[in-house]
Amino acid sequence: MPIEASCHCGETVFEVTEAPSSVTRCTCSLCAKRGALWAYYPPAQFRLLSPVDNVATYLWASRTVKHHHCANCGCGTFSESPEWSTGKPDFDNPKVAVNARLFDDFDLEAVPVNTIDGKNLW
């Protein structure tokens, strides 16, 4: 069952095909300041429902991860990234990380939170 998500002002809206089984809290400098809880999906399970012009993008450090946010209210919405499970970017296996705090009508407290020590990993 698809889950819809929206930023604070409602100008950036997206959906994923299913509920996450867990979410991730990353301690890197960007994620810590954003306060997001990330749910990861293959690109085929993500769909932007609002015009792409409503989305702005920030590229940091390696410039391989596209950190998106609403161009109007600034809420961090989703990121596009290669898979990093080996410590190196795997561009053949992209993923989309969505800010699960933006899910509408979803009990985020019902899923476990995993922590990644991004502060010391990258």
C-alpha atoms as a PDB file:
ATOM      1  CA  MET A   1       0.000   0.000   0.000  1.00  0.00           C
ATOM      2  CA  PRO A   2       1.592   3.323  -1.046  1.00  0.00           C
ATOM      3  CA  ILE A   3       2.484   5.895   1.579  1.00  0.00           C
ATOM      4  CA  GLU A   4       2.417   9.568   0.715  1.00  0.00           C
ATOM      5  CA  ALA A   5       4.709  12.172   2.236  1.00  0.00           C
ATOM      6  CA  SER A   6       4.832  15.945   2.076  1.00  0.00           C
ATOM      7  CA  CYS A   7       6.996  18.814   3.226  1.00  0.00           C
ATOM      8  CA  HIS A   8       5.788  21.447   5.696  1.00  0.00           C
ATOM      9  CA  CYS A   9       4.229  23.758   3.088  1.00  0.00           C
ATOM     10  CA  GLY A  10       2.883  20.905   0.930  1.00  0.00           C
ATOM     11  CA  GLU A  11       4.629  21.967  -2.280  1.00  0.00           C
ATOM     12  CA  THR A  12       6.867  18.885  -2.370  1.00  0.00           C
ATOM     13  CA  VAL A  13       4.940  15.619  -2.297  1.00  0.00           C
ATOM     14  CA  PHE A  14       6.149  12.084  -2.966  1.00  0.00           C
ATOM     15  CA  GLU A  15       5.110   8.503  -2.340  1.00  0.00           C
ATOM     16  CA  VAL A  16       6.747   5.151  -1.734  1.00  0.00           C
ATOM     17  CA  THR A  17       5.198   1.786  -2.554  1.00  0.00           C
ATOM     18  CA  GLU A  18       5.242   0.370   0.965  1.00  0.00           C
ATOM     19  CA  ALA A  19       5.878   1.119   4.608  1.00  0.00           C
ATOM     20  CA  PRO A  20       9.454   0.853   5.821  1.00  0.00           C
ATOM     21  CA  SER A  21      10.346  -2.079   8.052  1.00  0.00           C
ATOM     22  CA  SER A  22      12.840   0.178   9.857  1.00  0.00           C
ATOM     23  CA  VAL A  23      14.296   3.677   9.624  1.00  0.00           C
ATOM     24  CA  THR A  24      17.824   4.974  10.053  1.00  0.00           C
ATOM     25  CA  ARG A  25      19.166   7.817  12.143  1.00  0.00           C
ATOM     26  CA  CYS A  26      22.528   8.956  10.803  1.00  0.00           C
ATOM     27  CA  THR A  27      24.897  10.981  12.981  1.00  0.00           C
ATOM     28  CA  CYS A  28      26.821  12.684  10.148  1.00  0.00           C
ATOM     29  CA  SER A  29      26.876  16.476  10.264  1.00  0.00           C
ATOM     30  CA  LEU A  30      24.186  16.941   7.596  1.00  0.00           C
ATOM     31  CA  CYS A  31      21.746  14.320   8.858  1.00  0.00           C
ATOM     32  CA  ALA A  32      22.174  15.372  12.489  1.00  0.00           C
ATOM     33  CA  LYS A  33      21.312  18.968  11.610  1.00  0.00           C
ATOM     34  CA  ARG A  34      18.383  17.892   9.423  1.00  0.00           C
ATOM     35  CA  GLY A  35      16.949  15.605  12.086  1.00  0.00           C
ATOM     36  CA  ALA A  36      15.667  13.141   9.505  1.00  0.00           C
ATOM     37  CA  LEU A  37      14.881   9.475   9.964  1.00  0.00           C
ATOM     38  CA  TRP A  38      15.678   7.771   6.660  1.00  0.00           C
ATOM     39  CA  ALA A  39      13.782   4.959   4.940  1.00  0.00           C
ATOM     40  CA  TYR A  40      15.582   3.434   1.946  1.00  0.00           C
ATOM     41  CA  TYR A  41      14.004   2.328  -1.329  1.00  0.00           C
ATOM     42  CA  PRO A  42      15.078   1.317  -4.818  1.00  0.00           C
ATOM     43  CA  PRO A  43      14.224   4.112  -7.292  1.00  0.00           C
ATOM     44  CA  ALA A  44      11.336   2.074  -8.752  1.00  0.00           C
ATOM     45  CA  GLN A  45       9.551   2.257  -5.368  1.00  0.00           C
ATOM     46  CA  PHE A  46       9.705   6.073  -5.177  1.00  0.00           C
ATOM     47  CA  ARG A  47       7.607   8.580  -7.105  1.00  0.00           C
ATOM     48  CA  LEU A  48       7.745  12.373  -6.937  1.00  0.00           C
ATOM     49  CA  LEU A  49       4.147  13.615  -7.181  1.00  0.00           C
ATOM     50  CA  SER A  50       4.840  17.343  -7.335  1.00  0.00           C
ATOM     51  CA  PRO A  51       6.637  19.264 -10.106  1.00  0.00           C
ATOM     52  CA  VAL A  52      10.407  18.796 -10.082  1.00  0.00           C
ATOM     53  CA  ASP A  53      10.717  22.605  -9.950  1.00  0.00           C
ATOM     54  CA  ASN A  54       9.435  22.427  -6.357  1.00  0.00           C
ATOM     55  CA  VAL A  55      12.607  20.554  -5.361  1.00  0.00           C
ATOM     56  CA  ALA A  56      16.043  22.073  -4.737  1.00  0.00           C
ATOM     57  CA  THR A  57      19.240  20.040  -4.405  1.00  0.00           C
ATOM     58  CA  TYR A  58      22.328  20.254  -2.218  1.00  0.00           C
ATOM     59  CA  LEU A  59      25.515  18.380  -3.131  1.00  0.00           C
ATOM     60  CA  TRP A  60      28.054  17.960  -0.346  1.00  0.00           C
ATOM     61  CA  ALA A  61      31.653  16.655  -0.154  1.00  0.00           C
ATOM     62  CA  SER A  62      31.855  13.738  -2.639  1.00  0.00           C
ATOM     63  CA  ARG A  63      29.066  15.303  -4.715  1.00  0.00           C
ATOM     64  CA  THR A  64      27.699  11.801  -5.368  1.00  0.00           C
ATOM     65  CA  VAL A  65      24.627  12.118  -3.144  1.00  0.00           C
ATOM     66  CA  LYS A  66      21.833  14.466  -4.175  1.00  0.00           C
ATOM     67  CA  HIS A  67      20.226  15.802  -1.002  1.00  0.00           C
ATOM     68  CA  HIS A  68      16.844  17.241  -1.974  1.00  0.00           C
ATOM     69  CA  HIS A  69      14.693  19.705  -0.081  1.00  0.00           C
ATOM     70  CA  CYS A  70      11.569  21.732  -0.762  1.00  0.00           C
ATOM     71  CA  ALA A  71      12.494  24.848  -2.713  1.00  0.00           C
ATOM     72  CA  ASN A  72       9.864  26.802  -0.771  1.00  0.00           C
ATOM     73  CA  CYS A  73       9.912  25.737   2.905  1.00  0.00           C
ATOM     74  CA  GLY A  74      13.327  24.046   3.001  1.00  0.00           C
ATOM     75  CA  CYS A  75      12.276  20.709   4.534  1.00  0.00           C
ATOM     76  CA  GLY A  76      14.733  17.918   3.756  1.00  0.00           C
ATOM     77  CA  THR A  77      12.640  15.509   1.698  1.00  0.00           C
ATOM     78  CA  PHE A  78      14.692  12.776   0.017  1.00  0.00           C
ATOM     79  CA  SER A  79      18.162  11.929  -1.230  1.00  0.00           C
ATOM     80  CA  GLU A  80      19.392  10.004  -4.253  1.00  0.00           C
ATOM     81  CA  SER A  81      22.552   8.000  -3.759  1.00  0.00           C
ATOM     82  CA  PRO A  82      24.565   5.066  -4.996  1.00  0.00           C
ATOM     83  CA  GLU A  83      24.660   2.091  -2.638  1.00  0.00           C
ATOM     84  CA  TRP A  84      27.490   2.525  -0.077  1.00  0.00           C
ATOM     85  CA  SER A  85      27.436  -0.812   1.772  1.00  0.00           C
ATOM     86  CA  THR A  86      31.058  -1.594   0.822  1.00  0.00           C
ATOM     87  CA  GLY A  87      32.316   1.872   1.787  1.00  0.00           C
ATOM     88  CA  LYS A  88      32.603   2.846  -1.882  1.00  0.00           C
ATOM     89  CA  PRO A  89      29.855   4.144  -4.175  1.00  0.00           C
ATOM     90  CA  ASP A  90      28.115   1.428  -6.200  1.00  0.00           C
ATOM     91  CA  PHE A  91      26.523   3.414  -9.020  1.00  0.00           C
ATOM     92  CA  ASP A  92      24.929   0.257 -10.468  1.00  0.00           C
ATOM     93  CA  ASN A  93      22.702   0.032  -7.380  1.00  0.00           C
ATOM     94  CA  PRO A  94      21.145   3.426  -6.673  1.00  0.00           C
ATOM     95  CA  LYS A  95      18.800   4.043  -3.787  1.00  0.00           C
ATOM     96  CA  VAL A  96      16.466   6.744  -2.594  1.00  0.00           C
ATOM     97  CA  ALA A  97      16.449   7.718   1.065  1.00  0.00           C
ATOM     98  CA  VAL A  98      13.216   9.397   2.076  1.00  0.00           C
ATOM     99  CA  ASN A  99      12.683  11.435   5.219  1.00  0.00           C
ATOM    100  CA  ALA A 100      10.215   9.178   7.031  1.00  0.00           C
ATOM    101  CA  ARG A 101       9.274  12.056   9.353  1.00  0.00           C
ATOM    102  CA  LEU A 102       7.348  13.481   6.385  1.00  0.00           C
ATOM    103  CA  PHE A 103       5.074  10.441   5.926  1.00  0.00           C
ATOM    104  CA  ASP A 104       1.426  11.444   6.179  1.00  0.00           C
ATOM    105  CA  ASP A 105      -0.837   9.243   8.301  1.00  0.00           C
ATOM    106  CA  PHE A 106       1.914   6.828   9.321  1.00  0.00           C
ATOM    107  CA  ASP A 107       2.864   5.663  12.816  1.00  0.00           C
ATOM    108  CA  LEU A 108       6.611   6.217  12.761  1.00  0.00           C
ATOM    109  CA  GLU A 109       6.863   5.043  16.375  1.00  0.00           C
ATOM    110  CA  ALA A 110       5.864   1.538  15.210  1.00  0.00           C
ATOM    111  CA  VAL A 111       9.120   0.882  13.313  1.00  0.00           C
ATOM    112  CA  PRO A 112      12.562   0.305  14.802  1.00  0.00           C
ATOM    113  CA  VAL A 113      15.268   2.952  14.470  1.00  0.00           C
ATOM    114  CA  ASN A 114      18.790   1.882  13.475  1.00  0.00           C
ATOM    115  CA  THR A 115      21.696   4.266  14.041  1.00  0.00           C
ATOM    116  CA  ILE A 116      24.589   4.736  11.618  1.00  0.00           C
ATOM    117  CA  ASP A 117      27.680   6.414  13.036  1.00  0.00           C
ATOM    118  CA  GLY A 118      28.064   8.700  10.024  1.00  0.00           C
ATOM    119  CA  LYS A 119      29.984  11.203  12.149  1.00  0.00           C
ATOM    120  CA  ASN A 120      32.912   8.781  12.233  1.00  0.00           C
ATOM    121  CA  LEU A 121      32.356   6.842   9.012  1.00  0.00           C
ATOM    122  CA  TRP A 122      32.566   9.711   6.528  1.00  0.00           C
END
